Amino acid sequence: MATVSLTGASKEGAATVFGVLRTASPADRPSDDVPQEQPTDRAAVWCAEFEPTQEWIPTDPIPLEGSGTATLQGDYGAVDQLFEFLSSAFAVQQWGAASEDQEQEIDLWFTTKR
């Protein structure tokens, strides 16, 4: 199990990223639960938990409006699989990481793959 937290993306971008992850991994939220913006001057953060499965078919690159950042946190296998899923659909750069005995956290920047 791993938690994905998205920031800096539009609600459409967050919905696109979560949609890609749902094709490869069951989530803690139903597919019709799409990100909603709240009236505030703070940056929005969208979170969901995913349980990656071994049965996954890589996707073609998916267009994304703008870019965003993601933090993946959970057990090593789940975080690695979610990183692989995102890398198949988007241009992804890792810019930070922390690890412990049982889990890891990585910070990513993502945009449309060209």
N, C-alpha and C. Protein backbone atom coordinates (compact mmCIF):
# COMPACT_ATOMS: atom_id res chain seq x y z
N MET A 1 0.85 -1.17 0.00
CA MET A 1 0.00 0.00 0.00
C MET A 1 0.89 1.23 0.00
N ALA A 2 0.47 2.25 -0.76
CA ALA A 2 1.22 3.50 -0.80
C ALA A 2 0.25 4.67 -0.93
N THR A 3 0.62 5.78 -0.34
CA THR A 3 -0.16 7.01 -0.42
C THR A 3 0.46 7.91 -1.48
N VAL A 4 -0.39 8.49 -2.31
CA VAL A 4 0.06 9.45 -3.33
C VAL A 4 -0.57 10.79 -2.98
N SER A 5 0.28 11.80 -2.81
CA SER A 5 -0.17 13.17 -2.55
C SER A 5 0.27 14.05 -3.71
N LEU A 6 -0.68 14.72 -4.34
CA LEU A 6 -0.39 15.58 -5.50
C LEU A 6 -0.55 17.04 -5.11
N THR A 7 0.39 17.87 -5.55
CA THR A 7 0.29 19.32 -5.36
C THR A 7 0.72 20.01 -6.65
N GLY A 8 0.30 21.25 -6.80
CA GLY A 8 0.72 22.05 -7.95
C GLY A 8 0.04 21.70 -9.25
N ALA A 9 -0.82 20.71 -9.24
CA ALA A 9 -1.53 20.33 -10.46
C ALA A 9 -2.95 20.89 -10.39
N SER A 10 -3.54 21.09 -11.55
CA SER A 10 -4.94 21.49 -11.59
C SER A 10 -5.79 20.31 -11.14
N LYS A 11 -7.07 20.56 -10.85
CA LYS A 11 -7.93 19.44 -10.46
C LYS A 11 -8.06 18.45 -11.63
N GLU A 12 -8.02 18.96 -12.88
CA GLU A 12 -8.07 18.07 -14.04
C GLU A 12 -6.80 17.23 -14.12
N GLY A 13 -5.65 17.87 -13.86
CA GLY A 13 -4.39 17.14 -13.86
C GLY A 13 -4.36 16.08 -12.78
N ALA A 14 -4.84 16.41 -11.59
CA ALA A 14 -4.89 15.43 -10.50
C ALA A 14 -5.81 14.27 -10.86
N ALA A 15 -6.95 14.57 -11.47
CA ALA A 15 -7.87 13.51 -11.89
C ALA A 15 -7.22 12.61 -12.93
N THR A 16 -6.45 13.19 -13.85
CA THR A 16 -5.76 12.40 -14.87
C THR A 16 -4.74 11.48 -14.24
N VAL A 17 -3.92 12.01 -13.32
CA VAL A 17 -2.89 11.19 -12.66
C VAL A 17 -3.54 10.07 -11.86
N PHE A 18 -4.56 10.38 -11.07
CA PHE A 18 -5.23 9.34 -10.29
C PHE A 18 -5.90 8.32 -11.21
N GLY A 19 -6.43 8.77 -12.34
CA GLY A 19 -7.03 7.85 -13.30
C GLY A 19 -6.03 6.85 -13.84
N VAL A 20 -4.82 7.31 -14.16
CA VAL A 20 -3.76 6.41 -14.62
C VAL A 20 -3.42 5.40 -13.54
N LEU A 21 -3.27 5.87 -12.32
CA LEU A 21 -2.93 4.96 -11.22
C LEU A 21 -4.04 3.94 -10.97
N ARG A 22 -5.30 4.35 -11.14
CA ARG A 22 -6.42 3.41 -10.93
C ARG A 22 -6.44 2.29 -11.97
N THR A 23 -5.88 2.54 -13.16
CA THR A 23 -5.86 1.48 -14.18
C THR A 23 -4.90 0.37 -13.79
N ALA A 24 -3.98 0.66 -12.88
CA ALA A 24 -2.97 -0.32 -12.50
C ALA A 24 -3.08 -0.76 -11.05
N SER A 25 -3.94 -0.11 -10.29
CA SER A 25 -3.91 -0.34 -8.86
C SER A 25 -5.24 0.05 -8.22
N PRO A 26 -5.81 -0.82 -7.38
CA PRO A 26 -7.02 -0.42 -6.66
C PRO A 26 -6.73 0.76 -5.73
N ALA A 27 -7.70 1.66 -5.61
CA ALA A 27 -7.55 2.85 -4.77
C ALA A 27 -8.55 2.82 -3.63
N ASP A 28 -8.29 3.66 -2.64
CA ASP A 28 -9.19 3.75 -1.49
C ASP A 28 -10.42 4.60 -1.78
N ARG A 29 -10.50 5.17 -2.97
CA ARG A 29 -11.63 6.02 -3.34
C ARG A 29 -12.26 5.47 -4.62
N PRO A 30 -13.58 5.63 -4.76
CA PRO A 30 -14.23 5.18 -5.99
C PRO A 30 -13.79 6.03 -7.19
N SER A 31 -13.91 5.47 -8.38
CA SER A 31 -13.44 6.17 -9.57
C SER A 31 -14.22 7.45 -9.86
N ASP A 32 -15.45 7.56 -9.36
CA ASP A 32 -16.21 8.79 -9.59
C ASP A 32 -15.92 9.87 -8.54
N ASP A 33 -15.02 9.59 -7.61
CA ASP A 33 -14.59 10.58 -6.62
C ASP A 33 -13.43 11.37 -7.22
N VAL A 34 -13.76 12.46 -7.90
CA VAL A 34 -12.74 13.26 -8.58
C VAL A 34 -12.31 14.43 -7.71
N PRO A 35 -11.08 14.91 -7.88
CA PRO A 35 -10.60 16.04 -7.09
C PRO A 35 -11.48 17.27 -7.26
N GLN A 36 -11.70 17.95 -6.18
CA GLN A 36 -12.49 19.18 -6.17
C GLN A 36 -11.64 20.31 -5.62
N GLU A 37 -11.76 21.48 -6.22
CA GLU A 37 -11.05 22.64 -5.70
C GLU A 37 -11.90 23.31 -4.63
N GLN A 38 -11.23 23.81 -3.60
CA GLN A 38 -11.89 24.53 -2.53
C GLN A 38 -11.52 26.01 -2.64
N PRO A 39 -12.44 26.89 -2.32
CA PRO A 39 -12.11 28.33 -2.38
C PRO A 39 -11.15 28.70 -1.24
N THR A 40 -9.89 28.83 -1.58
CA THR A 40 -8.86 29.18 -0.61
C THR A 40 -7.65 29.74 -1.34
N ASP A 41 -6.79 30.41 -0.63
CA ASP A 41 -5.58 30.92 -1.26
C ASP A 41 -4.39 29.98 -1.01
N ARG A 42 -4.65 28.83 -0.45
CA ARG A 42 -3.59 27.85 -0.22
C ARG A 42 -3.55 26.85 -1.38
N ALA A 43 -2.39 26.28 -1.57
CA ALA A 43 -2.23 25.28 -2.63
C ALA A 43 -3.04 24.03 -2.28
N ALA A 44 -3.70 23.47 -3.28
CA ALA A 44 -4.49 22.25 -3.08
C ALA A 44 -3.58 21.04 -3.02
N VAL A 45 -3.93 20.09 -2.18
CA VAL A 45 -3.23 18.81 -2.08
C VAL A 45 -4.30 17.73 -2.20
N TRP A 46 -4.10 16.81 -3.17
CA TRP A 46 -5.02 15.71 -3.35
C TRP A 46 -4.30 14.43 -2.97
N CYS A 47 -4.97 13.57 -2.17
CA CYS A 47 -4.34 12.33 -1.69
C CYS A 47 -5.24 11.14 -1.94
N ALA A 48 -4.62 10.01 -2.19
CA ALA A 48 -5.33 8.74 -2.30
C ALA A 48 -4.34 7.63 -1.98
N GLU A 49 -4.87 6.49 -1.53
CA GLU A 49 -4.04 5.32 -1.27
C GLU A 49 -4.27 4.29 -2.37
N PHE A 50 -3.18 3.64 -2.75
CA PHE A 50 -3.23 2.64 -3.81
C PHE A 50 -2.55 1.36 -3.36
N GLU A 51 -3.08 0.23 -3.83
CA GLU A 51 -2.50 -1.08 -3.55
C GLU A 51 -2.09 -1.67 -4.90
N PRO A 52 -0.83 -1.47 -5.34
CA PRO A 52 -0.40 -1.95 -6.65
C PRO A 52 -0.54 -3.46 -6.79
N THR A 53 -0.88 -3.88 -8.00
CA THR A 53 -0.98 -5.30 -8.32
C THR A 53 0.09 -5.66 -9.33
N GLN A 54 0.36 -6.91 -9.47
CA GLN A 54 1.36 -7.37 -10.43
C GLN A 54 0.81 -7.36 -11.85
N GLU A 55 -0.50 -7.39 -12.01
CA GLU A 55 -1.12 -7.43 -13.33
C GLU A 55 -1.38 -6.01 -13.81
N TRP A 56 -0.49 -5.52 -14.62
CA TRP A 56 -0.59 -4.15 -15.09
C TRP A 56 -0.03 -4.08 -16.50
N ILE A 57 -0.74 -3.37 -17.37
CA ILE A 57 -0.30 -3.18 -18.74
C ILE A 57 0.15 -1.73 -18.88
N PRO A 58 1.40 -1.49 -19.28
CA PRO A 58 1.88 -0.11 -19.43
C PRO A 58 0.97 0.67 -20.38
N THR A 59 0.85 1.94 -20.11
CA THR A 59 0.00 2.81 -20.91
C THR A 59 0.85 3.68 -21.84
N ASP A 60 0.23 4.16 -22.89
CA ASP A 60 0.89 5.14 -23.75
C ASP A 60 0.97 6.46 -22.99
N PRO A 61 1.83 7.38 -23.42
CA PRO A 61 1.87 8.70 -22.78
C PRO A 61 0.49 9.36 -22.81
N ILE A 62 0.16 10.05 -21.74
CA ILE A 62 -1.13 10.70 -21.60
C ILE A 62 -0.92 12.20 -21.47
N PRO A 63 -1.65 13.00 -22.25
CA PRO A 63 -1.49 14.45 -22.16
C PRO A 63 -1.95 14.96 -20.79
N LEU A 64 -1.25 15.96 -20.32
CA LEU A 64 -1.51 16.52 -19.01
C LEU A 64 -1.42 18.04 -19.12
N GLU A 65 -2.41 18.73 -18.60
CA GLU A 65 -2.35 20.19 -18.59
C GLU A 65 -1.37 20.62 -17.51
N GLY A 66 -0.30 21.26 -17.90
CA GLY A 66 0.68 21.76 -16.93
C GLY A 66 1.51 20.66 -16.32
N SER A 67 1.94 20.91 -15.09
CA SER A 67 2.79 19.96 -14.37
C SER A 67 2.36 19.94 -12.92
N GLY A 68 3.02 19.13 -12.13
CA GLY A 68 2.72 19.06 -10.71
C GLY A 68 3.78 18.27 -10.00
N THR A 69 3.61 18.15 -8.70
CA THR A 69 4.52 17.33 -7.92
C THR A 69 3.72 16.25 -7.21
N ALA A 70 4.39 15.17 -6.91
CA ALA A 70 3.77 14.06 -6.21
C ALA A 70 4.72 13.55 -5.14
N THR A 71 4.17 13.13 -4.03
CA THR A 71 4.92 12.41 -3.02
C THR A 71 4.31 11.03 -2.92
N LEU A 72 5.15 10.01 -3.10
CA LEU A 72 4.73 8.62 -2.97
C LEU A 72 5.31 8.11 -1.66
N GLN A 73 4.49 7.55 -0.80
CA GLN A 73 4.96 7.08 0.50
C GLN A 73 4.32 5.74 0.82
N GLY A 74 5.15 4.76 1.18
CA GLY A 74 4.64 3.45 1.54
C GLY A 74 5.74 2.42 1.49
N ASP A 75 5.32 1.13 1.41
CA ASP A 75 6.35 0.09 1.38
C ASP A 75 7.12 0.16 0.07
N TYR A 76 8.33 -0.35 0.10
CA TYR A 76 9.25 -0.21 -1.04
C TYR A 76 8.64 -0.71 -2.34
N GLY A 77 8.06 -1.89 -2.33
CA GLY A 77 7.50 -2.46 -3.56
C GLY A 77 6.38 -1.62 -4.14
N ALA A 78 5.48 -1.15 -3.29
CA ALA A 78 4.35 -0.35 -3.76
C ALA A 78 4.81 0.98 -4.33
N VAL A 79 5.74 1.65 -3.65
CA VAL A 79 6.24 2.93 -4.15
C VAL A 79 6.97 2.74 -5.48
N ASP A 80 7.78 1.70 -5.58
CA ASP A 80 8.48 1.44 -6.84
C ASP A 80 7.50 1.18 -7.99
N GLN A 81 6.44 0.41 -7.72
CA GLN A 81 5.46 0.13 -8.77
C GLN A 81 4.70 1.39 -9.18
N LEU A 82 4.29 2.20 -8.22
CA LEU A 82 3.58 3.42 -8.57
C LEU A 82 4.47 4.37 -9.36
N PHE A 83 5.75 4.44 -9.01
CA PHE A 83 6.70 5.25 -9.78
C PHE A 83 6.77 4.73 -11.22
N GLU A 84 6.81 3.42 -11.38
CA GLU A 84 6.86 2.82 -12.73
C GLU A 84 5.59 3.15 -13.50
N PHE A 85 4.42 3.04 -12.85
CA PHE A 85 3.15 3.36 -13.51
C PHE A 85 3.15 4.80 -14.01
N LEU A 86 3.54 5.72 -13.13
CA LEU A 86 3.56 7.14 -13.50
C LEU A 86 4.56 7.41 -14.62
N SER A 87 5.71 6.76 -14.57
CA SER A 87 6.75 6.97 -15.58
C SER A 87 6.34 6.48 -16.96
N SER A 88 5.42 5.52 -17.02
CA SER A 88 4.97 5.04 -18.32
C SER A 88 4.05 6.04 -19.00
N ALA A 89 3.34 6.84 -18.23
CA ALA A 89 2.35 7.75 -18.79
C ALA A 89 2.81 9.20 -18.86
N PHE A 90 3.74 9.59 -17.98
CA PHE A 90 4.17 10.99 -17.88
C PHE A 90 5.68 11.10 -17.84
N ALA A 91 6.19 12.30 -18.12
CA ALA A 91 7.61 12.58 -17.89
C ALA A 91 7.75 12.81 -16.39
N VAL A 92 8.58 12.02 -15.73
CA VAL A 92 8.70 12.05 -14.28
C VAL A 92 10.16 12.22 -13.89
N GLN A 93 10.41 13.13 -12.97
CA GLN A 93 11.76 13.31 -12.42
C GLN A 93 11.68 13.21 -10.91
N GLN A 94 12.55 12.38 -10.35
CA GLN A 94 12.61 12.28 -8.89
C GLN A 94 13.52 13.38 -8.38
N TRP A 95 13.08 14.12 -7.36
CA TRP A 95 13.90 15.21 -6.83
C TRP A 95 14.14 15.11 -5.33
N GLY A 96 13.62 14.08 -4.69
CA GLY A 96 13.87 13.89 -3.27
C GLY A 96 13.48 12.49 -2.85
N ALA A 97 14.10 12.01 -1.77
CA ALA A 97 13.78 10.68 -1.27
C ALA A 97 14.20 10.55 0.19
N ALA A 98 13.48 9.72 0.89
CA ALA A 98 13.82 9.36 2.27
C ALA A 98 13.42 7.90 2.45
N SER A 99 14.18 7.18 3.23
CA SER A 99 13.83 5.77 3.43
C SER A 99 14.06 5.36 4.88
N GLU A 100 13.29 4.35 5.28
CA GLU A 100 13.39 3.75 6.60
C GLU A 100 13.45 2.25 6.41
N ASP A 101 13.36 1.50 7.50
CA ASP A 101 13.43 0.05 7.42
C ASP A 101 12.34 -0.56 6.55
N GLN A 102 11.10 -0.12 6.76
CA GLN A 102 9.96 -0.76 6.12
C GLN A 102 9.30 0.05 5.01
N GLU A 103 9.63 1.34 4.90
CA GLU A 103 8.97 2.12 3.87
C GLU A 103 9.87 3.23 3.36
N GLN A 104 9.43 3.79 2.23
CA GLN A 104 10.18 4.89 1.63
C GLN A 104 9.22 5.99 1.19
N GLU A 105 9.80 7.14 0.92
CA GLU A 105 9.06 8.29 0.41
C GLU A 105 9.89 8.90 -0.69
N ILE A 106 9.25 9.16 -1.84
CA ILE A 106 9.96 9.83 -2.92
C ILE A 106 9.12 11.02 -3.39
N ASP A 107 9.80 12.07 -3.78
CA ASP A 107 9.17 13.27 -4.30
C ASP A 107 9.45 13.36 -5.79
N LEU A 108 8.40 13.62 -6.56
CA LEU A 108 8.48 13.63 -8.02
C LEU A 108 7.94 14.92 -8.58
N TRP A 109 8.41 15.26 -9.75
CA TRP A 109 7.85 16.31 -10.57
C TRP A 109 7.36 15.61 -11.82
N PHE A 110 6.16 15.92 -12.29
CA PHE A 110 5.62 15.25 -13.48
C PHE A 110 5.00 16.26 -14.44
N THR A 111 5.05 15.90 -15.73
CA THR A 111 4.44 16.69 -16.79
C THR A 111 4.16 15.74 -17.96
N THR A 112 3.65 16.28 -19.06
CA THR A 112 3.39 15.47 -20.25
C THR A 112 4.67 14.93 -20.84
N LYS A 113 4.65 13.66 -21.19
CA LYS A 113 5.80 13.02 -21.84
C LYS A 113 5.83 13.46 -23.29
N ARG A 114 6.99 13.87 -23.77
CA ARG A 114 7.11 14.34 -25.15
C ARG A 114 7.86 13.35 -26.00
